[in-house]
PDB file of N, CA and C in Angstrom:
ATOM      1  N   MET A   1      15.622 -43.926 -12.292  1.00  0.00           N
ATOM      2  CA  MET A   1      15.171 -44.723 -13.397  1.00  0.00           C
ATOM      3  C   MET A   1      14.949 -43.820 -14.605  1.00  0.00           C
ATOM      4  N   SER A   2      15.147 -44.346 -15.758  1.00  0.00           N
ATOM      5  CA  SER A   2      15.074 -43.521 -16.949  1.00  0.00           C
ATOM      6  C   SER A   2      13.659 -43.107 -17.319  1.00  0.00           C
ATOM      7  N   ASP A   3      12.630 -43.794 -16.856  1.00  0.00           N
ATOM      8  CA  ASP A   3      11.253 -43.445 -17.210  1.00  0.00           C
ATOM      9  C   ASP A   3      10.647 -42.398 -16.278  1.00  0.00           C
ATOM     10  N   GLY A   4      11.448 -41.826 -15.393  1.00  0.00           N
ATOM     11  CA  GLY A   4      10.959 -40.794 -14.495  1.00  0.00           C
ATOM     12  C   GLY A   4      10.268 -41.339 -13.269  1.00  0.00           C
ATOM     13  N   GLN A   5      10.264 -42.644 -13.074  1.00  0.00           N
ATOM     14  CA  GLN A   5       9.645 -43.255 -11.895  1.00  0.00           C
ATOM     15  C   GLN A   5      10.735 -43.522 -10.863  1.00  0.00           C
ATOM     16  N   ASN A   6      10.431 -43.257  -9.616  1.00  0.00           N
ATOM     17  CA  ASN A   6      11.380 -43.617  -8.576  1.00  0.00           C
ATOM     18  C   ASN A   6      10.858 -44.846  -7.853  1.00  0.00           C
ATOM     19  N   THR A   7      11.450 -45.203  -6.785  1.00  0.00           N
ATOM     20  CA  THR A   7      11.098 -46.439  -6.077  1.00  0.00           C
ATOM     21  C   THR A   7       9.719 -46.394  -5.426  1.00  0.00           C
ATOM     22  N   TYR A   8       9.046 -45.235  -5.430  1.00  0.00           N
ATOM     23  CA  TYR A   8       7.738 -45.120  -4.790  1.00  0.00           C
ATOM     24  C   TYR A   8       6.585 -45.303  -5.766  1.00  0.00           C
ATOM     25  N   GLY A   9       6.876 -45.522  -7.034  1.00  0.00           N
ATOM     26  CA  GLY A   9       5.823 -45.758  -8.004  1.00  0.00           C
ATOM     27  C   GLY A   9       5.151 -44.511  -8.540  1.00  0.00           C
ATOM     28  N   VAL A  10       5.705 -43.367  -8.267  1.00  0.00           N
ATOM     29  CA  VAL A  10       5.223 -42.116  -8.843  1.00  0.00           C
ATOM     30  C   VAL A  10       6.403 -41.452  -9.535  1.00  0.00           C
ATOM     31  N   SER A  11       6.110 -40.514 -10.417  1.00  0.00           N
ATOM     32  CA  SER A  11       7.203 -39.818 -11.103  1.00  0.00           C
ATOM     33  C   SER A  11       8.023 -39.020 -10.099  1.00  0.00           C
ATOM     34  N   ASN A  12       9.238 -38.751 -10.480  1.00  0.00           N
ATOM     35  CA  ASN A  12      10.107 -37.944  -9.620  1.00  0.00           C
ATOM     36  C   ASN A  12       9.473 -36.589  -9.331  1.00  0.00           C
ATOM     37  N   LEU A  13       8.853 -35.985 -10.351  1.00  0.00           N
ATOM     38  CA  LEU A  13       8.218 -34.685 -10.158  1.00  0.00           C
ATOM     39  C   LEU A  13       7.048 -34.777  -9.187  1.00  0.00           C
ATOM     40  N   GLU A  14       6.202 -35.804  -9.327  1.00  0.00           N
ATOM     41  CA  GLU A  14       5.086 -35.979  -8.386  1.00  0.00           C
ATOM     42  C   GLU A  14       5.602 -36.157  -6.966  1.00  0.00           C
ATOM     43  N   TYR A  15       6.635 -36.961  -6.813  1.00  0.00           N
ATOM     44  CA  TYR A  15       7.229 -37.169  -5.489  1.00  0.00           C
ATOM     45  C   TYR A  15       7.752 -35.849  -4.930  1.00  0.00           C
ATOM     46  N   ASP A  16       8.442 -35.078  -5.763  1.00  0.00           N
ATOM     47  CA  ASP A  16       8.995 -33.792  -5.315  1.00  0.00           C
ATOM     48  C   ASP A  16       7.883 -32.834  -4.897  1.00  0.00           C
ATOM     49  N   LEU A  17       6.802 -32.798  -5.677  1.00  0.00           N
ATOM     50  CA  LEU A  17       5.677 -31.926  -5.338  1.00  0.00           C
ATOM     51  C   LEU A  17       5.014 -32.352  -4.035  1.00  0.00           C
ATOM     52  N   ILE A  18       4.793 -33.649  -3.866  1.00  0.00           N
ATOM     53  CA  ILE A  18       4.178 -34.171  -2.643  1.00  0.00           C
ATOM     54  C   ILE A  18       5.047 -33.866  -1.433  1.00  0.00           C
ATOM     55  N   THR A  19       6.340 -34.117  -1.561  1.00  0.00           N
ATOM     56  CA  THR A  19       7.263 -33.897  -0.441  1.00  0.00           C
ATOM     57  C   THR A  19       7.346 -32.423  -0.075  1.00  0.00           C
ATOM     58  N   THR A  20       7.424 -31.568  -1.087  1.00  0.00           N
ATOM     59  CA  THR A  20       7.508 -30.134  -0.819  1.00  0.00           C
ATOM     60  C   THR A  20       6.221 -29.622  -0.183  1.00  0.00           C
ATOM     61  N   LEU A  21       5.082 -30.083  -0.679  1.00  0.00           N
ATOM     62  CA  LEU A  21       3.798 -29.695  -0.094  1.00  0.00           C
ATOM     63  C   LEU A  21       3.736 -30.114   1.370  1.00  0.00           C
ATOM     64  N   SER A  22       4.129 -31.329   1.654  1.00  0.00           N
ATOM     65  CA  SER A  22       4.131 -31.818   3.039  1.00  0.00           C
ATOM     66  C   SER A  22       5.038 -30.965   3.919  1.00  0.00           C
ATOM     67  N   ASN A  23       6.227 -30.668   3.425  1.00  0.00           N
ATOM     68  CA  ASN A  23       7.169 -29.861   4.202  1.00  0.00           C
ATOM     69  C   ASN A  23       6.627 -28.460   4.470  1.00  0.00           C
ATOM     70  N   LEU A  24       5.990 -27.861   3.471  1.00  0.00           N
ATOM     71  CA  LEU A  24       5.416 -26.531   3.662  1.00  0.00           C
ATOM     72  C   LEU A  24       4.313 -26.546   4.712  1.00  0.00           C
ATOM     73  N   LEU A  25       3.452 -27.553   4.665  1.00  0.00           N
ATOM     74  CA  LEU A  25       2.360 -27.638   5.641  1.00  0.00           C
ATOM     75  C   LEU A  25       2.887 -27.894   7.046  1.00  0.00           C
ATOM     76  N   GLN A  26       3.881 -28.760   7.170  1.00  0.00           N
ATOM     77  CA  GLN A  26       4.477 -29.009   8.480  1.00  0.00           C
ATOM     78  C   GLN A  26       5.175 -27.756   8.992  1.00  0.00           C
ATOM     79  N   GLY A  27       5.827 -27.038   8.085  1.00  0.00           N
ATOM     80  CA  GLY A  27       6.487 -25.789   8.470  1.00  0.00           C
ATOM     81  C   GLY A  27       5.493 -24.760   8.961  1.00  0.00           C
ATOM     82  N   SER A  28       4.323 -24.712   8.333  1.00  0.00           N
ATOM     83  CA  SER A  28       3.289 -23.768   8.766  1.00  0.00           C
ATOM     84  C   SER A  28       2.819 -24.074  10.179  1.00  0.00           C
ATOM     85  N   GLU A  29       2.691 -25.355  10.485  1.00  0.00           N
ATOM     86  CA  GLU A  29       2.302 -25.748  11.850  1.00  0.00           C
ATOM     87  C   GLU A  29       3.352 -25.276  12.859  1.00  0.00           C
ATOM     88  N   ALA A  30       4.614 -25.493  12.534  1.00  0.00           N
ATOM     89  CA  ALA A  30       5.693 -25.073  13.436  1.00  0.00           C
ATOM     90  C   ALA A  30       5.702 -23.553  13.590  1.00  0.00           C
ATOM     91  N   LEU A  31       5.534 -22.831  12.490  1.00  0.00           N
ATOM     92  CA  LEU A  31       5.549 -21.374  12.547  1.00  0.00           C
ATOM     93  C   LEU A  31       4.400 -20.827  13.381  1.00  0.00           C
ATOM     94  N   HIS A  32       3.255 -21.485  13.343  1.00  0.00           N
ATOM     95  CA  HIS A  32       2.131 -21.087  14.190  1.00  0.00           C
ATOM     96  C   HIS A  32       2.527 -21.181  15.665  1.00  0.00           C
ATOM     97  N   LYS A  33       3.179 -22.275  16.018  1.00  0.00           N
ATOM     98  CA  LYS A  33       3.641 -22.462  17.409  1.00  0.00           C
ATOM     99  C   LYS A  33       4.674 -21.397  17.771  1.00  0.00           C
ATOM    100  N   TYR A  34       5.590 -21.123  16.848  1.00  0.00           N
ATOM    101  CA  TYR A  34       6.627 -20.122  17.121  1.00  0.00           C
ATOM    102  C   TYR A  34       6.019 -18.735  17.314  1.00  0.00           C
ATOM    103  N   ALA A  35       4.973 -18.417  16.540  1.00  0.00           N
ATOM    104  CA  ALA A  35       4.302 -17.126  16.704  1.00  0.00           C
ATOM    105  C   ALA A  35       3.651 -17.037  18.077  1.00  0.00           C
ATOM    106  N   GLN A  36       3.049 -18.140  18.518  1.00  0.00           N
ATOM    107  CA  GLN A  36       2.463 -18.163  19.860  1.00  0.00           C
ATOM    108  C   GLN A  36       3.542 -17.981  20.922  1.00  0.00           C
ATOM    109  N   ASP A  37       4.666 -18.649  20.737  1.00  0.00           N
ATOM    110  CA  ASP A  37       5.777 -18.507  21.685  1.00  0.00           C
ATOM    111  C   ASP A  37       6.253 -17.059  21.750  1.00  0.00           C
ATOM    112  N   ALA A  38       6.355 -16.414  20.593  1.00  0.00           N
ATOM    113  CA  ALA A  38       6.797 -15.022  20.557  1.00  0.00           C
ATOM    114  C   ALA A  38       5.792 -14.117  21.257  1.00  0.00           C
ATOM    115  N   GLU A  39       4.508 -14.364  21.048  1.00  0.00           N
ATOM    116  CA  GLU A  39       3.474 -13.581  21.731  1.00  0.00           C
ATOM    117  C   GLU A  39       3.593 -13.748  23.243  1.00  0.00           C
ATOM    118  N   GLN A  40       3.782 -15.000  23.676  1.00  0.00           N
ATOM    119  CA  GLN A  40       3.908 -15.261  25.115  1.00  0.00           C
ATOM    120  C   GLN A  40       5.152 -14.597  25.693  1.00  0.00           C
ATOM    121  N   ALA A  41       6.171 -14.449  24.870  1.00  0.00           N
ATOM    122  CA  ALA A  41       7.401 -13.790  25.321  1.00  0.00           C
ATOM    123  C   ALA A  41       7.275 -12.273  25.243  1.00  0.00           C
ATOM    124  N   GLY A  42       6.144 -11.787  24.721  1.00  0.00           N
ATOM    125  CA  GLY A  42       5.921 -10.347  24.649  1.00  0.00           C
ATOM    126  C   GLY A  42       6.566  -9.683  23.443  1.00  0.00           C
ATOM    127  N   ASP A  43       6.934 -10.460  22.427  1.00  0.00           N
ATOM    128  CA  ASP A  43       7.591  -9.898  21.250  1.00  0.00           C
ATOM    129  C   ASP A  43       6.653  -9.997  20.050  1.00  0.00           C
ATOM    130  N   SER A  44       5.828  -8.974  19.897  1.00  0.00           N
ATOM    131  CA  SER A  44       4.843  -8.989  18.813  1.00  0.00           C
ATOM    132  C   SER A  44       5.508  -8.844  17.445  1.00  0.00           C
ATOM    133  N   GLU A  45       6.661  -8.203  17.395  1.00  0.00           N
ATOM    134  CA  GLU A  45       7.367  -8.062  16.120  1.00  0.00           C
ATOM    135  C   GLU A  45       7.796  -9.434  15.589  1.00  0.00           C
ATOM    136  N   CYS A  46       8.358 -10.266  16.454  1.00  0.00           N
ATOM    137  CA  CYS A  46       8.749 -11.611  16.038  1.00  0.00           C
ATOM    138  C   CYS A  46       7.519 -12.458  15.712  1.00  0.00           C
ATOM    139  N   ALA A  47       6.468 -12.290  16.495  1.00  0.00           N
ATOM    140  CA  ALA A  47       5.229 -13.030  16.219  1.00  0.00           C
ATOM    141  C   ALA A  47       4.720 -12.684  14.832  1.00  0.00           C
ATOM    142  N   THR A  48       4.775 -11.421  14.473  1.00  0.00           N
ATOM    143  CA  THR A  48       4.351 -10.993  13.137  1.00  0.00           C
ATOM    144  C   THR A  48       5.242 -11.599  12.065  1.00  0.00           C
ATOM    145  N   LEU A  49       6.541 -11.646  12.296  1.00  0.00           N
ATOM    146  CA  LEU A  49       7.453 -12.268  11.334  1.00  0.00           C
ATOM    147  C   LEU A  49       7.105 -13.733  11.107  1.00  0.00           C
ATOM    148  N   PHE A  50       6.854 -14.447  12.204  1.00  0.00           N
ATOM    149  CA  PHE A  50       6.488 -15.865  12.077  1.00  0.00           C
ATOM    150  C   PHE A  50       5.164 -16.030  11.333  1.00  0.00           C
ATOM    151  N   ARG A  51       4.197 -15.172  11.634  1.00  0.00           N
ATOM    152  CA  ARG A  51       2.893 -15.270  10.964  1.00  0.00           C
ATOM    153  C   ARG A  51       2.992 -14.924   9.476  1.00  0.00           C
ATOM    154  N   THR A  52       3.830 -13.947   9.155  1.00  0.00           N
ATOM    155  CA  THR A  52       4.041 -13.592   7.750  1.00  0.00           C
ATOM    156  C   THR A  52       4.647 -14.762   6.991  1.00  0.00           C
ATOM    157  N   LEU A  53       5.647 -15.381   7.575  1.00  0.00           N
ATOM    158  CA  LEU A  53       6.267 -16.536   6.941  1.00  0.00           C
ATOM    159  C   LEU A  53       5.269 -17.693   6.831  1.00  0.00           C
ATOM    160  N   MET A  54       4.451 -17.876   7.856  1.00  0.00           N
ATOM    161  CA  MET A  54       3.425 -18.914   7.833  1.00  0.00           C
ATOM    162  C   MET A  54       2.437 -18.662   6.686  1.00  0.00           C
ATOM    163  N   ASP A  55       2.021 -17.420   6.501  1.00  0.00           N
ATOM    164  CA  ASP A  55       1.114 -17.077   5.407  1.00  0.00           C
ATOM    165  C   ASP A  55       1.767 -17.339   4.050  1.00  0.00           C
ATOM    166  N   ASN A  56       3.044 -17.000   3.947  1.00  0.00           N
ATOM    167  CA  ASN A  56       3.777 -17.259   2.701  1.00  0.00           C
ATOM    168  C   ASN A  56       3.859 -18.760   2.431  1.00  0.00           C
ATOM    169  N   ASN A  57       4.106 -19.550   3.471  1.00  0.00           N
ATOM    170  CA  ASN A  57       4.155 -21.012   3.319  1.00  0.00           C
ATOM    171  C   ASN A  57       2.812 -21.550   2.840  1.00  0.00           C
ATOM    172  N   ARG A  58       1.743 -21.038   3.420  1.00  0.00           N
ATOM    173  CA  ARG A  58       0.408 -21.512   3.026  1.00  0.00           C
ATOM    174  C   ARG A  58       0.110 -21.162   1.569  1.00  0.00           C
ATOM    175  N   ALA A  59       0.500 -19.966   1.150  1.00  0.00           N
ATOM    176  CA  ALA A  59       0.294 -19.572  -0.246  1.00  0.00           C
ATOM    177  C   ALA A  59       1.120 -20.464  -1.170  1.00  0.00           C
ATOM    178  N   SER A  60       2.350 -20.732  -0.787  1.00  0.00           N
ATOM    179  CA  SER A  60       3.191 -21.627  -1.580  1.00  0.00           C
ATOM    180  C   SER A  60       2.615 -23.034  -1.597  1.00  0.00           C
ATOM    181  N   ALA A  61       2.112 -23.494  -0.466  1.00  0.00           N
ATOM    182  CA  ALA A  61       1.515 -24.825  -0.396  1.00  0.00           C
ATOM    183  C   ALA A  61       0.336 -24.926  -1.358  1.00  0.00           C
ATOM    184  N   GLN A  62      -0.466 -23.871  -1.458  1.00  0.00           N
ATOM    185  CA  GLN A  62      -1.599 -23.881  -2.384  1.00  0.00           C
ATOM    186  C   GLN A  62      -1.117 -23.980  -3.824  1.00  0.00           C
ATOM    187  N   GLN A  63      -0.025 -23.285  -4.145  1.00  0.00           N
ATOM    188  CA  GLN A  63       0.526 -23.356  -5.493  1.00  0.00           C
ATOM    189  C   GLN A  63       1.042 -24.769  -5.794  1.00  0.00           C
ATOM    190  N   PHE A  64       1.705 -25.375  -4.829  1.00  0.00           N
ATOM    191  CA  PHE A  64       2.206 -26.732  -5.025  1.00  0.00           C
ATOM    192  C   PHE A  64       1.055 -27.735  -5.121  1.00  0.00           C
ATOM    193  N   ARG A  65      -0.001 -27.494  -4.370  1.00  0.00           N
ATOM    194  CA  ARG A  65      -1.177 -28.373  -4.440  1.00  0.00           C
ATOM    195  C   ARG A  65      -1.791 -28.315  -5.834  1.00  0.00           C
ATOM    196  N   SER A  66      -1.910 -27.115  -6.375  1.00  0.00           N
ATOM    197  CA  SER A  66      -2.450 -26.956  -7.728  1.00  0.00           C
ATOM    198  C   SER A  66      -1.563 -27.641  -8.760  1.00  0.00           C
ATOM    199  N   ALA A  67      -0.256 -27.485  -8.609  1.00  0.00           N
ATOM    200  CA  ALA A  67       0.675 -28.129  -9.534  1.00  0.00           C
ATOM    201  C   ALA A  67       0.571 -29.644  -9.435  1.00  0.00           C
ATOM    202  N   LEU A  68       0.428 -30.149  -8.218  1.00  0.00           N
ATOM    203  CA  LEU A  68       0.280 -31.593  -8.034  1.00  0.00           C
ATOM    204  C   LEU A  68      -1.010 -32.086  -8.684  1.00  0.00           C
ATOM    205  N   GLN A  69      -2.093 -31.342  -8.513  1.00  0.00           N
ATOM    206  CA  GLN A  69      -3.365 -31.730  -9.137  1.00  0.00           C
ATOM    207  C   GLN A  69      -3.233 -31.795 -10.653  1.00  0.00           C
ATOM    208  N   ARG A  70      -2.518 -30.817 -11.238  1.00  0.00           N
ATOM    209  CA  ARG A  70      -2.297 -30.825 -12.680  1.00  0.00           C
ATOM    210  C   ARG A  70      -1.515 -32.069 -13.096  1.00  0.00           C
ATOM    211  N   GLN A  71      -0.468 -32.386 -12.336  1.00  0.00           N
ATOM    212  CA  GLN A  71       0.354 -33.559 -12.652  1.00  0.00           C
ATOM    213  C   GLN A  71      -0.462 -34.836 -12.559  1.00  0.00           C
ATOM    214  N   LEU A  72      -1.261 -34.951 -11.511  1.00  0.00           N
ATOM    215  CA  LEU A  72      -2.039 -36.171 -11.313  1.00  0.00           C
ATOM    216  C   LEU A  72      -3.140 -36.335 -12.343  1.00  0.00           C
ATOM    217  N   SER A  73      -3.605 -35.221 -12.903  1.00  0.00           N
ATOM    218  CA  SER A  73      -4.647 -35.312 -13.929  1.00  0.00           C
ATOM    219  C   SER A  73      -4.056 -35.449 -15.330  1.00  0.00           C
ATOM    220  N   GLY A  74      -2.734 -35.507 -15.400  1.00  0.00           N
ATOM    221  CA  GLY A  74      -2.065 -35.706 -16.678  1.00  0.00           C
ATOM    222  C   GLY A  74      -1.759 -34.440 -17.428  1.00  0.00           C
ATOM    223  N   GLY A  75      -2.051 -33.293 -16.829  1.00  0.00           N
ATOM    224  CA  GLY A  75      -1.771 -32.019 -17.483  1.00  0.00           C
ATOM    225  C   GLY A  75      -0.333 -31.588 -17.293  1.00  0.00           C
ATOM    226  N   GLN A  76       0.086 -30.676 -18.085  1.00  0.00           N
ATOM    227  CA  GLN A  76       1.439 -30.144 -17.964  1.00  0.00           C
ATOM    228  C   GLN A  76       1.304 -28.756 -17.484  1.00  0.00           C
TER     229      GLN A  76
END
């Protein structure tokens, strides 16, 4: 739609931020499980890789959350 609204009643940008935030949080949950699996398999190096990526996802999720809050409050 030309006014920036999609079929969900929020702007395309708000939808993109919400979806990306959700995906990052779900990814962090999966990475936590994968790190546990790696630990159980005795591979601490892989467990560390999964945890590092999980930490990066959480940091990114916080940035997207802040951006979403700005959008919802009308800020740019």
